[in-house]
Structures are given as structure tokens and as C-alpha cells.
PDB file of all heavy atoms in Angstrom:
ATOM      1  N   PRO A   1    -138.369 -26.833 -19.041  1.00  0.00           N
ATOM      2  CA  PRO A   1    -139.281 -26.207 -20.002  1.00  0.00           C
ATOM      3  C   PRO A   1    -138.503 -25.761 -21.245  1.00  0.00           C
ATOM      4  O   PRO A   1    -137.704 -24.821 -21.168  1.00  0.00           O
ATOM      5  CB  PRO A   1    -139.853 -25.012 -19.242  1.00  0.00           C
ATOM      6  CG  PRO A   1    -138.873 -24.738 -18.156  1.00  0.00           C
ATOM      7  CD  PRO A   1    -138.148 -26.015 -17.876  1.00  0.00           C
ATOM      8  N   PRO A   2    -138.669 -26.423 -22.390  1.00  0.00           N
ATOM      9  CA  PRO A   2    -137.850 -26.145 -23.577  1.00  0.00           C
ATOM     10  C   PRO A   2    -137.953 -24.717 -24.099  1.00  0.00           C
ATOM     11  O   PRO A   2    -136.958 -24.151 -24.521  1.00  0.00           O
ATOM     12  CB  PRO A   2    -138.355 -27.116 -24.635  1.00  0.00           C
ATOM     13  CG  PRO A   2    -139.296 -28.030 -23.966  1.00  0.00           C
ATOM     14  CD  PRO A   2    -139.631 -27.476 -22.629  1.00  0.00           C
ATOM     15  N   GLN A   3    -139.125 -24.110 -24.061  1.00  0.00           N
ATOM     16  CA  GLN A   3    -139.269 -22.763 -24.608  1.00  0.00           C
ATOM     17  C   GLN A   3    -138.466 -21.750 -23.803  1.00  0.00           C
ATOM     18  O   GLN A   3    -137.804 -20.894 -24.357  1.00  0.00           O
ATOM     19  CB  GLN A   3    -140.748 -22.352 -24.669  1.00  0.00           C
ATOM     20  CG  GLN A   3    -140.974 -21.030 -25.364  1.00  0.00           C
ATOM     21  CD  GLN A   3    -140.515 -21.029 -26.816  1.00  0.00           C
ATOM     22  OE1 GLN A   3    -140.646 -22.018 -27.510  1.00  0.00           O
ATOM     23  NE2 GLN A   3    -139.963 -19.923 -27.262  1.00  0.00           N
ATOM     24  N   ARG A   4    -138.501 -21.862 -22.494  1.00  0.00           N
ATOM     25  CA  ARG A   4    -137.735 -20.934 -21.663  1.00  0.00           C
ATOM     26  C   ARG A   4    -136.239 -21.103 -21.886  1.00  0.00           C
ATOM     27  O   ARG A   4    -135.491 -20.142 -21.936  1.00  0.00           O
ATOM     28  CB  ARG A   4    -138.049 -21.147 -20.180  1.00  0.00           C
ATOM     29  CG  ARG A   4    -139.355 -20.569 -19.770  1.00  0.00           C
ATOM     30  CD  ARG A   4    -139.463 -20.597 -18.266  1.00  0.00           C
ATOM     31  NE  ARG A   4    -140.851 -20.687 -17.904  1.00  0.00           N
ATOM     32  CZ  ARG A   4    -141.286 -21.134 -16.752  1.00  0.00           C
ATOM     33  NH1 ARG A   4    -140.430 -21.552 -15.850  1.00  0.00           N
ATOM     34  NH2 ARG A   4    -142.559 -21.169 -16.488  1.00  0.00           N
ATOM     35  N   GLY A   5    -135.812 -22.335 -22.023  1.00  0.00           N
ATOM     36  CA  GLY A   5    -134.395 -22.598 -22.270  1.00  0.00           C
ATOM     37  C   GLY A   5    -133.948 -22.038 -23.600  1.00  0.00           C
ATOM     38  O   GLY A   5    -132.855 -21.464 -23.722  1.00  0.00           O
ATOM     39  N   ARG A   6    -134.786 -22.183 -24.597  1.00  0.00           N
ATOM     40  CA  ARG A   6    -134.474 -21.671 -25.928  1.00  0.00           C
ATOM     41  C   ARG A   6    -134.367 -20.143 -25.907  1.00  0.00           C
ATOM     42  O   ARG A   6    -133.421 -19.563 -26.436  1.00  0.00           O
ATOM     43  CB  ARG A   6    -135.556 -22.120 -26.904  1.00  0.00           C
ATOM     44  CG  ARG A   6    -135.339 -21.657 -28.297  1.00  0.00           C
ATOM     45  CD  ARG A   6    -136.438 -22.217 -29.183  1.00  0.00           C
ATOM     46  NE  ARG A   6    -136.285 -21.696 -30.514  1.00  0.00           N
ATOM     47  CZ  ARG A   6    -137.279 -21.494 -31.340  1.00  0.00           C
ATOM     48  NH1 ARG A   6    -138.508 -21.772 -30.986  1.00  0.00           N
ATOM     49  NH2 ARG A   6    -137.073 -21.020 -32.540  1.00  0.00           N
ATOM     50  N   THR A   7    -135.331 -19.503 -25.270  1.00  0.00           N
ATOM     51  CA  THR A   7    -135.326 -18.047 -25.178  1.00  0.00           C
ATOM     52  C   THR A   7    -134.103 -17.569 -24.405  1.00  0.00           C
ATOM     53  O   THR A   7    -133.431 -16.613 -24.814  1.00  0.00           O
ATOM     54  CB  THR A   7    -136.614 -17.544 -24.515  1.00  0.00           C
ATOM     55  OG1 THR A   7    -137.726 -18.014 -25.267  1.00  0.00           O
ATOM     56  CG2 THR A   7    -136.653 -16.027 -24.454  1.00  0.00           C
ATOM     57  N   SER A   8    -133.792 -18.230 -23.314  1.00  0.00           N
ATOM     58  CA  SER A   8    -132.619 -17.847 -22.521  1.00  0.00           C
ATOM     59  C   SER A   8    -131.338 -18.003 -23.320  1.00  0.00           C
ATOM     60  O   SER A   8    -130.447 -17.157 -23.251  1.00  0.00           O
ATOM     61  CB  SER A   8    -132.532 -18.697 -21.257  1.00  0.00           C
ATOM     62  OG  SER A   8    -133.634 -18.461 -20.433  1.00  0.00           O
ATOM     63  N   ALA A   9    -131.245 -19.086 -24.073  1.00  0.00           N
ATOM     64  CA  ALA A   9    -130.042 -19.319 -24.881  1.00  0.00           C
ATOM     65  C   ALA A   9    -129.875 -18.245 -25.951  1.00  0.00           C
ATOM     66  O   ALA A   9    -128.770 -17.734 -26.166  1.00  0.00           O
ATOM     67  CB  ALA A   9    -130.109 -20.705 -25.515  1.00  0.00           C
ATOM     68  N   ILE A  10    -130.960 -17.876 -26.605  1.00  0.00           N
ATOM     69  CA  ILE A  10    -130.884 -16.851 -27.649  1.00  0.00           C
ATOM     70  C   ILE A  10    -130.524 -15.497 -27.046  1.00  0.00           C
ATOM     71  O   ILE A  10    -129.694 -14.764 -27.587  1.00  0.00           O
ATOM     72  CB  ILE A  10    -132.209 -16.772 -28.435  1.00  0.00           C
ATOM     73  CG1 ILE A  10    -132.412 -18.068 -29.219  1.00  0.00           C
ATOM     74  CG2 ILE A  10    -132.228 -15.562 -29.362  1.00  0.00           C
ATOM     75  CD1 ILE A  10    -133.791 -18.239 -29.776  1.00  0.00           C
ATOM     76  N   ARG A  11    -131.099 -15.178 -25.907  1.00  0.00           N
ATOM     77  CA  ARG A  11    -130.764 -13.909 -25.248  1.00  0.00           C
ATOM     78  C   ARG A  11    -129.295 -13.865 -24.853  1.00  0.00           C
ATOM     79  O   ARG A  11    -128.643 -12.830 -24.953  1.00  0.00           O
ATOM     80  CB  ARG A  11    -131.658 -13.673 -24.037  1.00  0.00           C
ATOM     81  CG  ARG A  11    -133.031 -13.242 -24.446  1.00  0.00           C
ATOM     82  CD  ARG A  11    -133.869 -12.880 -23.264  1.00  0.00           C
ATOM     83  NE  ARG A  11    -135.157 -12.416 -23.753  1.00  0.00           N
ATOM     84  CZ  ARG A  11    -136.243 -12.385 -23.018  1.00  0.00           C
ATOM     85  NH1 ARG A  11    -136.197 -12.767 -21.769  1.00  0.00           N
ATOM     86  NH2 ARG A  11    -137.369 -11.958 -23.525  1.00  0.00           N
ATOM     87  N   GLN A  12    -128.766 -14.997 -24.398  1.00  0.00           N
ATOM     88  CA  GLN A  12    -127.351 -15.047 -24.050  1.00  0.00           C
ATOM     89  C   GLN A  12    -126.482 -14.853 -25.291  1.00  0.00           C
ATOM     90  O   GLN A  12    -125.478 -14.148 -25.262  1.00  0.00           O
ATOM     91  CB  GLN A  12    -127.009 -16.372 -23.364  1.00  0.00           C
ATOM     92  CG  GLN A  12    -125.592 -16.444 -22.863  1.00  0.00           C
ATOM     93  CD  GLN A  12    -125.272 -15.387 -21.822  1.00  0.00           C
ATOM     94  OE1 GLN A  12    -126.069 -15.070 -20.956  1.00  0.00           O
ATOM     95  NE2 GLN A  12    -124.078 -14.832 -21.907  1.00  0.00           N
ATOM     96  N   LEU A  13    -126.888 -15.461 -26.398  1.00  0.00           N
ATOM     97  CA  LEU A  13    -126.128 -15.313 -27.641  1.00  0.00           C
ATOM     98  C   LEU A  13    -126.086 -13.866 -28.119  1.00  0.00           C
ATOM     99  O   LEU A  13    -125.035 -13.381 -28.543  1.00  0.00           O
ATOM    100  CB  LEU A  13    -126.725 -16.196 -28.731  1.00  0.00           C
ATOM    101  CG  LEU A  13    -126.429 -17.682 -28.638  1.00  0.00           C
ATOM    102  CD1 LEU A  13    -127.244 -18.444 -29.684  1.00  0.00           C
ATOM    103  CD2 LEU A  13    -124.954 -17.955 -28.821  1.00  0.00           C
ATOM    104  N   VAL A  14    -127.221 -13.167 -28.055  1.00  0.00           N
ATOM    105  CA  VAL A  14    -127.241 -11.783 -28.542  1.00  0.00           C
ATOM    106  C   VAL A  14    -126.485 -10.835 -27.627  1.00  0.00           C
ATOM    107  O   VAL A  14    -126.169  -9.715 -28.025  1.00  0.00           O
ATOM    108  CB  VAL A  14    -128.678 -11.253 -28.828  1.00  0.00           C
ATOM    109  CG1 VAL A  14    -129.331 -12.030 -29.942  1.00  0.00           C
ATOM    110  CG2 VAL A  14    -129.517 -11.221 -27.586  1.00  0.00           C
ATOM    111  N   LEU A  15    -126.176 -11.273 -26.420  1.00  0.00           N
ATOM    112  CA  LEU A  15    -125.318 -10.476 -25.557  1.00  0.00           C
ATOM    113  C   LEU A  15    -123.848 -10.664 -25.916  1.00  0.00           C
ATOM    114  O   LEU A  15    -123.017  -9.819 -25.625  1.00  0.00           O
ATOM    115  CB  LEU A  15    -125.536 -10.846 -24.083  1.00  0.00           C
ATOM    116  CG  LEU A  15    -126.863 -10.417 -23.481  1.00  0.00           C
ATOM    117  CD1 LEU A  15    -126.981 -10.965 -22.064  1.00  0.00           C
ATOM    118  CD2 LEU A  15    -127.016  -8.914 -23.495  1.00  0.00           C
ATOM    119  N   GLN A  16    -123.529 -11.781 -26.549  1.00  0.00           N
ATOM    120  CA  GLN A  16    -122.142 -12.104 -26.870  1.00  0.00           C
ATOM    121  C   GLN A  16    -121.742 -11.734 -28.297  1.00  0.00           C
ATOM    122  O   GLN A  16    -120.549 -11.660 -28.595  1.00  0.00           O
ATOM    123  CB  GLN A  16    -121.900 -13.597 -26.661  1.00  0.00           C
ATOM    124  CG  GLN A  16    -122.071 -14.026 -25.234  1.00  0.00           C
ATOM    125  CD  GLN A  16    -121.950 -15.524 -25.060  1.00  0.00           C
ATOM    126  OE1 GLN A  16    -121.695 -16.257 -26.000  1.00  0.00           O
ATOM    127  NE2 GLN A  16    -122.140 -15.978 -23.843  1.00  0.00           N
ATOM    128  N   ALA A  17    -122.704 -11.551 -29.164  1.00  0.00           N
ATOM    129  CA  ALA A  17    -122.421 -11.239 -30.563  1.00  0.00           C
ATOM    130  C   ALA A  17    -123.514 -10.311 -31.085  1.00  0.00           C
ATOM    131  O   ALA A  17    -124.601 -10.246 -30.519  1.00  0.00           O
ATOM    132  CB  ALA A  17    -122.375 -12.525 -31.385  1.00  0.00           C
ATOM    133  N   PRO A  18    -123.241  -9.610 -32.172  1.00  0.00           N
ATOM    134  CA  PRO A  18    -124.238  -8.694 -32.736  1.00  0.00           C
ATOM    135  C   PRO A  18    -125.520  -9.417 -33.163  1.00  0.00           C
ATOM    136  O   PRO A  18    -125.470 -10.527 -33.694  1.00  0.00           O
ATOM    137  CB  PRO A  18    -123.529  -8.093 -33.950  1.00  0.00           C
ATOM    138  CG  PRO A  18    -122.086  -8.305 -33.690  1.00  0.00           C
ATOM    139  CD  PRO A  18    -121.983  -9.567 -32.894  1.00  0.00           C
ATOM    140  N   ALA A  19    -126.645  -8.780 -32.931  1.00  0.00           N
ATOM    141  CA  ALA A  19    -127.949  -9.366 -33.257  1.00  0.00           C
ATOM    142  C   ALA A  19    -128.061  -9.799 -34.719  1.00  0.00           C
ATOM    143  O   ALA A  19    -128.581 -10.894 -34.989  1.00  0.00           O
ATOM    144  CB  ALA A  19    -129.068  -8.397 -32.887  1.00  0.00           C
ATOM    145  N   PRO A  20    -127.595  -9.007 -35.699  1.00  0.00           N
ATOM    146  CA  PRO A  20    -127.711  -9.457 -37.091  1.00  0.00           C
ATOM    147  C   PRO A  20    -126.946 -10.751 -37.369  1.00  0.00           C
ATOM    148  O   PRO A  20    -127.378 -11.574 -38.166  1.00  0.00           O
ATOM    149  CB  PRO A  20    -127.130  -8.299 -37.898  1.00  0.00           C
ATOM    150  CG  PRO A  20    -127.275  -7.110 -37.027  1.00  0.00           C
ATOM    151  CD  PRO A  20    -127.108  -7.622 -35.633  1.00  0.00           C
ATOM    152  N   VAL A  21    -125.823 -10.929 -36.702  1.00  0.00           N
ATOM    153  CA  VAL A  21    -125.035 -12.153 -36.883  1.00  0.00           C
ATOM    154  C   VAL A  21    -125.799 -13.356 -36.330  1.00  0.00           C
ATOM    155  O   VAL A  21    -125.905 -14.400 -36.977  1.00  0.00           O
ATOM    156  CB  VAL A  21    -123.659 -12.019 -36.198  1.00  0.00           C
ATOM    157  CG1 VAL A  21    -122.896 -13.325 -36.228  1.00  0.00           C
ATOM    158  CG2 VAL A  21    -122.858 -10.907 -36.852  1.00  0.00           C
ATOM    159  N   ILE A  22    -126.348 -13.208 -35.134  1.00  0.00           N
ATOM    160  CA  ILE A  22    -127.121 -14.289 -34.512  1.00  0.00           C
ATOM    161  C   ILE A  22    -128.368 -14.567 -35.332  1.00  0.00           C
ATOM    162  O   ILE A  22    -128.721 -15.730 -35.565  1.00  0.00           O
ATOM    163  CB  ILE A  22    -127.499 -13.924 -33.056  1.00  0.00           C
ATOM    164  CG1 ILE A  22    -126.236 -13.710 -32.221  1.00  0.00           C
ATOM    165  CG2 ILE A  22    -128.389 -14.982 -32.443  1.00  0.00           C
ATOM    166  CD1 ILE A  22    -125.304 -14.896 -32.144  1.00  0.00           C
ATOM    167  N   ALA A  23    -129.051 -13.532 -35.791  1.00  0.00           N
ATOM    168  CA  ALA A  23    -130.266 -13.707 -36.592  1.00  0.00           C
ATOM    169  C   ALA A  23    -129.978 -14.517 -37.850  1.00  0.00           C
ATOM    170  O   ALA A  23    -130.702 -15.458 -38.178  1.00  0.00           O
ATOM    171  CB  ALA A  23    -130.865 -12.357 -36.958  1.00  0.00           C
ATOM    172  N   LYS A  24    -128.915 -14.162 -38.530  1.00  0.00           N
ATOM    173  CA  LYS A  24    -128.574 -14.873 -39.771  1.00  0.00           C
ATOM    174  C   LYS A  24    -128.184 -16.324 -39.486  1.00  0.00           C
ATOM    175  O   LYS A  24    -128.590 -17.240 -40.204  1.00  0.00           O
ATOM    176  CB  LYS A  24    -127.436 -14.155 -40.489  1.00  0.00           C
ATOM    177  CG  LYS A  24    -127.136 -14.737 -41.844  1.00  0.00           C
ATOM    178  CD  LYS A  24    -126.123 -13.887 -42.592  1.00  0.00           C
ATOM    179  CE  LYS A  24    -125.895 -14.468 -43.973  1.00  0.00           C
ATOM    180  NZ  LYS A  24    -124.961 -13.673 -44.749  1.00  0.00           N
ATOM    181  N   ALA A  25    -127.421 -16.542 -38.438  1.00  0.00           N
ATOM    182  CA  ALA A  25    -126.963 -17.888 -38.105  1.00  0.00           C
ATOM    183  C   ALA A  25    -128.114 -18.816 -37.706  1.00  0.00           C
ATOM    184  O   ALA A  25    -128.095 -20.009 -38.017  1.00  0.00           O
ATOM    185  CB  ALA A  25    -125.936 -17.831 -36.976  1.00  0.00           C
ATOM    186  N   LEU A  26    -129.121 -18.254 -37.023  1.00  0.00           N
ATOM    187  CA  LEU A  26    -130.216 -19.082 -36.513  1.00  0.00           C
ATOM    188  C   LEU A  26    -131.495 -18.997 -37.331  1.00  0.00           C
ATOM    189  O   LEU A  26    -132.480 -19.647 -37.012  1.00  0.00           O
ATOM    190  CB  LEU A  26    -130.521 -18.707 -35.057  1.00  0.00           C
ATOM    191  CG  LEU A  26    -129.382 -18.908 -34.071  1.00  0.00           C
ATOM    192  CD1 LEU A  26    -129.803 -18.458 -32.682  1.00  0.00           C
ATOM    193  CD2 LEU A  26    -128.932 -20.369 -34.054  1.00  0.00           C
ATOM    194  N   GLY A  27    -131.500 -18.155 -38.354  1.00  0.00           N
ATOM    195  CA  GLY A  27    -132.685 -18.038 -39.196  1.00  0.00           C
ATOM    196  C   GLY A  27    -133.769 -17.147 -38.611  1.00  0.00           C
ATOM    197  O   GLY A  27    -134.937 -17.284 -38.957  1.00  0.00           O
ATOM    198  N   TYR A  28    -133.383 -16.236 -37.734  1.00  0.00           N
ATOM    199  CA  TYR A  28    -134.335 -15.290 -37.152  1.00  0.00           C
ATOM    200  C   TYR A  28    -134.371 -14.032 -38.001  1.00  0.00           C
ATOM    201  O   TYR A  28    -133.416 -13.715 -38.702  1.00  0.00           O
ATOM    202  CB  TYR A  28    -133.918 -14.905 -35.727  1.00  0.00           C
ATOM    203  CG  TYR A  28    -134.297 -15.912 -34.691  1.00  0.00           C
ATOM    204  CD1 TYR A  28    -133.545 -17.065 -34.512  1.00  0.00           C
ATOM    205  CD2 TYR A  28    -135.398 -15.721 -33.887  1.00  0.00           C
ATOM    206  CE1 TYR A  28    -133.885 -17.991 -33.554  1.00  0.00           C
ATOM    207  CE2 TYR A  28    -135.749 -16.640 -32.924  1.00  0.00           C
ATOM    208  CZ  TYR A  28    -134.991 -17.776 -32.765  1.00  0.00           C
ATOM    209  OH  TYR A  28    -135.339 -18.696 -31.826  1.00  0.00           O
ATOM    210  N   HIS A  29    -135.441 -13.284 -37.887  1.00  0.00           N
ATOM    211  CA  HIS A  29    -135.529 -11.980 -38.540  1.00  0.00           C
ATOM    212  C   HIS A  29    -134.666 -11.007 -37.746  1.00  0.00           C
ATOM    213  O   HIS A  29    -134.574 -11.088 -36.520  1.00  0.00           O
ATOM    214  CB  HIS A  29    -136.985 -11.507 -38.570  1.00  0.00           C
ATOM    215  CG  HIS A  29    -137.192 -10.333 -39.463  1.00  0.00           C
ATOM    216  ND1 HIS A  29    -136.954  -9.049 -39.050  1.00  0.00           N
ATOM    217  CD2 HIS A  29    -137.595 -10.254 -40.757  1.00  0.00           C
ATOM    218  CE1 HIS A  29    -137.210  -8.217 -40.045  1.00  0.00           C
ATOM    219  NE2 HIS A  29    -137.599  -8.929 -41.094  1.00  0.00           N
ATOM    220  N   ASP A  30    -134.029 -10.063 -38.442  1.00  0.00           N
ATOM    221  CA  ASP A  30    -133.175  -9.074 -37.780  1.00  0.00           C
ATOM    222  C   ASP A  30    -133.906  -8.316 -36.678  1.00  0.00           C
ATOM    223  O   ASP A  30    -133.349  -8.050 -35.622  1.00  0.00           O
ATOM    224  CB  ASP A  30    -132.631  -8.062 -38.793  1.00  0.00           C
ATOM    225  CG  ASP A  30    -131.540  -8.647 -39.670  1.00  0.00           C
ATOM    226  OD1 ASP A  30    -131.037  -9.740 -39.346  1.00  0.00           O
ATOM    227  OD2 ASP A  30    -131.205  -8.012 -40.673  1.00  0.00           O
ATOM    228  N   LYS A  31    -135.167  -7.962 -36.944  1.00  0.00           N
ATOM    229  CA  LYS A  31    -135.933  -7.196 -35.947  1.00  0.00           C
ATOM    230  C   LYS A  31    -136.183  -8.022 -34.686  1.00  0.00           C
ATOM    231  O   LYS A  31    -136.174  -7.485 -33.589  1.00  0.00           O
ATOM    232  CB  LYS A  31    -137.250  -6.718 -36.545  1.00  0.00           C
ATOM    233  CG  LYS A  31    -137.057  -5.611 -37.553  1.00  0.00           C
ATOM    234  CD  LYS A  31    -138.369  -5.072 -38.057  1.00  0.00           C
ATOM    235  CE  LYS A  31    -138.111  -3.980 -39.087  1.00  0.00           C
ATOM    236  NZ  LYS A  31    -139.329  -3.391 -39.580  1.00  0.00           N
ATOM    237  N   THR A  32    -136.399  -9.317 -34.844  1.00  0.00           N
ATOM    238  CA  THR A  32    -136.603 -10.177 -33.681  1.00  0.00           C
ATOM    239  C   THR A  32    -135.334 -10.241 -32.845  1.00  0.00           C
ATOM    240  O   THR A  32    -135.380 -10.104 -31.614  1.00  0.00           O
ATOM    241  CB  THR A  32    -137.009 -11.599 -34.120  1.00  0.00           C
ATOM    242  OG1 THR A  32    -138.191 -11.520 -34.905  1.00  0.00           O
ATOM    243  CG2 THR A  32    -137.231 -12.509 -32.926  1.00  0.00           C
ATOM    244  N   ALA A  33    -134.211 -10.435 -33.491  1.00  0.00           N
ATOM    245  CA  ALA A  33    -132.939 -10.498 -32.771  1.00  0.00           C
ATOM    246  C   ALA A  33    -132.617  -9.164 -32.107  1.00  0.00           C
ATOM    247  O   ALA A  33    -132.123  -9.127 -30.976  1.00  0.00           O
ATOM    248  CB  ALA A  33    -131.825 -10.913 -33.716  1.00  0.00           C
ATOM    249  N   THR A  34    -132.916  -8.068 -32.777  1.00  0.00           N
ATOM    250  CA  THR A  34    -132.683  -6.741 -32.198  1.00  0.00           C
ATOM    251  C   THR A  34    -133.566  -6.526 -30.971  1.00  0.00           C
ATOM    252  O   THR A  34    -133.117  -5.982 -29.960  1.00  0.00           O
ATOM    253  CB  THR A  34    -132.940  -5.642 -33.245  1.00  0.00           C
ATOM    254  OG1 THR A  34    -132.078  -5.878 -34.361  1.00  0.00           O
ATOM    255  CG2 THR A  34    -132.685  -4.266 -32.683  1.00  0.00           C
ATOM    256  N   ARG A  35    -134.806  -6.968 -31.041  1.00  0.00           N
ATOM    257  CA  ARG A  35    -135.707  -6.857 -29.882  1.00  0.00           C
ATOM    258  C   ARG A  35    -135.164  -7.675 -28.712  1.00  0.00           C
ATOM    259  O   ARG A  35    -135.152  -7.218 -27.573  1.00  0.00           O
ATOM    260  CB  ARG A  35    -137.104  -7.351 -30.247  1.00  0.00           C
ATOM    261  CG  ARG A  35    -138.097  -7.272 -29.087  1.00  0.00           C
ATOM    262  CD  ARG A  35    -139.487  -7.756 -29.479  1.00  0.00           C
ATOM    263  NE  ARG A  35    -139.518  -9.032 -30.166  1.00  0.00           N
ATOM    264  CZ  ARG A  35    -139.474 -10.220 -29.562  1.00  0.00           C
ATOM    265  NH1 ARG A  35    -139.364 -10.306 -28.255  1.00  0.00           N
ATOM    266  NH2 ARG A  35    -139.528 -11.338 -30.268  1.00  0.00           N
ATOM    267  N   LEU A  36    -134.669  -8.879 -28.997  1.00  0.00           N
ATOM    268  CA  LEU A  36    -134.129  -9.725 -27.932  1.00  0.00           C
ATOM    269  C   LEU A  36    -132.901  -9.107 -27.278  1.00  0.00           C
ATOM    270  O   LEU A  36    -132.736  -9.172 -26.065  1.00  0.00           O
ATOM    271  CB  LEU A  36    -133.790 -11.119 -28.478  1.00  0.00           C
ATOM    272  CG  LEU A  36    -134.990 -11.990 -28.825  1.00  0.00           C
ATOM    273  CD1 LEU A  36    -134.537 -13.243 -29.565  1.00  0.00           C
ATOM    274  CD2 LEU A  36    -135.762 -12.358 -27.574  1.00  0.00           C
ATOM    275  N   VAL A  37    -132.031  -8.493 -28.077  1.00  0.00           N
ATOM    276  CA  VAL A  37    -130.847  -7.867 -27.490  1.00  0.00           C
ATOM    277  C   VAL A  37    -131.241  -6.661 -26.637  1.00  0.00           C
ATOM    278  O   VAL A  37    -130.647  -6.407 -25.583  1.00  0.00           O
ATOM    279  CB  VAL A  37    -129.788  -7.500 -28.557  1.00  0.00           C
ATOM    280  CG1 VAL A  37    -130.160  -6.281 -29.348  1.00  0.00           C
ATOM    281  CG2 VAL A  37    -128.428  -7.312 -27.933  1.00  0.00           C
ATOM    282  N   THR A  38    -132.260  -5.937 -27.048  1.00  0.00           N
ATOM    283  CA  THR A  38    -132.753  -4.807 -26.260  1.00  0.00           C
ATOM    284  C   THR A  38    -133.341  -5.295 -24.936  1.00  0.00           C
ATOM    285  O   THR A  38    -133.053  -4.742 -23.875  1.00  0.00           O
ATOM    286  CB  THR A  38    -133.809  -4.012 -27.052  1.00  0.00           C
ATOM    287  OG1 THR A  38    -133.222  -3.565 -28.270  1.00  0.00           O
ATOM    288  CG2 THR A  38    -134.316  -2.824 -26.256  1.00  0.00           C
ATOM    289  N   GLU A  39    -134.150  -6.349 -25.000  1.00  0.00           N
ATOM    290  CA  GLU A  39    -134.744  -6.923 -23.784  1.00  0.00           C
ATOM    291  C   GLU A  39    -133.676  -7.463 -22.840  1.00  0.00           C
ATOM    292  O   GLU A  39    -133.820  -7.392 -21.624  1.00  0.00           O
ATOM    293  CB  GLU A  39    -135.712  -8.050 -24.147  1.00  0.00           C
ATOM    294  CG  GLU A  39    -136.980  -7.585 -24.813  1.00  0.00           C
ATOM    295  CD  GLU A  39    -137.837  -8.749 -25.297  1.00  0.00           C
ATOM    296  OE1 GLU A  39    -137.473  -9.917 -25.069  1.00  0.00           O
ATOM    297  OE2 GLU A  39    -138.877  -8.474 -25.917  1.00  0.00           O
ATOM    298  N   ALA A  40    -132.610  -8.013 -23.413  1.00  0.00           N
ATOM    299  CA  ALA A  40    -131.556  -8.610 -22.595  1.00  0.00           C
ATOM    300  C   ALA A  40    -130.574  -7.562 -22.073  1.00  0.00           C
ATOM    301  O   ALA A  40    -129.699  -7.869 -21.273  1.00  0.00           O
ATOM    302  CB  ALA A  40    -130.812  -9.665 -23.403  1.00  0.00           C
ATOM    303  N   GLY A  41    -130.707  -6.320 -22.536  1.00  0.00           N
ATOM    304  CA  GLY A  41    -129.822  -5.261 -22.072  1.00  0.00           C
ATOM    305  C   GLY A  41    -128.478  -5.244 -22.776  1.00  0.00           C
ATOM    306  O   GLY A  41    -127.484  -4.795 -22.214  1.00  0.00           O
ATOM    307  N   GLY A  42    -128.438  -5.713 -24.004  1.00  0.00           N
ATOM    308  CA  GLY A  42    -127.200  -5.774 -24.764  1.00  0.00           C
ATOM    309  C   GLY A  42    -126.721  -4.411 -25.231  1.00  0.00           C
ATOM    310  O   GLY A  42    -127.455  -3.429 -25.210  1.00  0.00           O
ATOM    311  N   THR A  43    -125.470  -4.369 -25.665  1.00  0.00           N
ATOM    312  CA  THR A  43    -124.850  -3.097 -26.067  1.00  0.00           C
ATOM    313  C   THR A  43    -124.338  -3.122 -27.498  1.00  0.00           C
ATOM    314  O   THR A  43    -123.430  -2.380 -27.844  1.00  0.00           O
ATOM    315  CB  THR A  43    -123.676  -2.778 -25.129  1.00  0.00           C
ATOM    316  OG1 THR A  43    -122.739  -3.854 -25.192  1.00  0.00           O
ATOM    317  CG2 THR A  43    -124.145  -2.573 -23.716  1.00  0.00           C
ATOM    318  N   TRP A  44    -124.882  -3.966 -28.342  1.00  0.00           N
ATOM    319  CA  TRP A  44    -124.421  -4.053 -29.726  1.00  0.00           C
ATOM    320  C   TRP A  44    -125.181  -3.080 -30.625  1.00  0.00           C
ATOM    321  O   TRP A  44    -125.347  -3.313 -31.809  1.00  0.00           O
ATOM    322  CB  TRP A  44    -124.606  -5.469 -30.266  1.00  0.00           C
ATOM    323  CG  TRP A  44    -123.616  -6.439 -29.732  1.00  0.00           C
ATOM    324  CD1 TRP A  44    -123.831  -7.326 -28.729  1.00  0.00           C
ATOM    325  CD2 TRP A  44    -122.270  -6.649 -30.161  1.00  0.00           C
ATOM    326  NE1 TRP A  44    -122.704  -8.067 -28.503  1.00  0.00           N
ATOM    327  CE2 TRP A  44    -121.729  -7.671 -29.382  1.00  0.00           C
ATOM    328  CE3 TRP A  44    -121.470  -6.055 -31.135  1.00  0.00           C
ATOM    329  CZ2 TRP A  44    -120.434  -8.120 -29.538  1.00  0.00           C
ATOM    330  CZ3 TRP A  44    -120.186  -6.513 -31.289  1.00  0.00           C
ATOM    331  CH2 TRP A  44    -119.676  -7.522 -30.501  1.00  0.00           C
ATOM    332  N   SER A  45    -125.604  -1.954 -30.126  1.00  0.00           N
ATOM    333  CA  SER A  45    -126.445  -1.044 -30.902  1.00  0.00           C
ATOM    334  C   SER A  45    -125.709  -0.348 -32.045  1.00  0.00           C
ATOM    335  O   SER A  45    -126.322   0.142 -32.974  1.00  0.00           O
ATOM    336  CB  SER A  45    -127.061   0.014 -29.991  1.00  0.00           C
ATOM    337  OG  SER A  45    -126.042   0.785 -29.399  1.00  0.00           O
TER     338      SER A  45
END
């Protein structure tokens, strides 16, 4: 299922790097990336 894989990949990325960096690199809005890092339990706050 491509959508689940995409979401999982993005969540993994935001756990490894700051959300603003991932957002800029992938063309996401900062708030979307921040929400994903929160959902994934990230610590880049």
C-alpha cells in the first residue's frame, strides 16, 4: 500500500532529523512535519 509506506517513511525521517529540515527538503509545510514528529514520538522539539 503506497500511502502507508509513504507515511511510514516520512515519520521515520522526522525521527532522524528536525521536522523543519525534512519539511523543506520534501516540500511539506512546517506544521505538517511538526505534527508527524509529534505523532511519531520524536524529540526534536
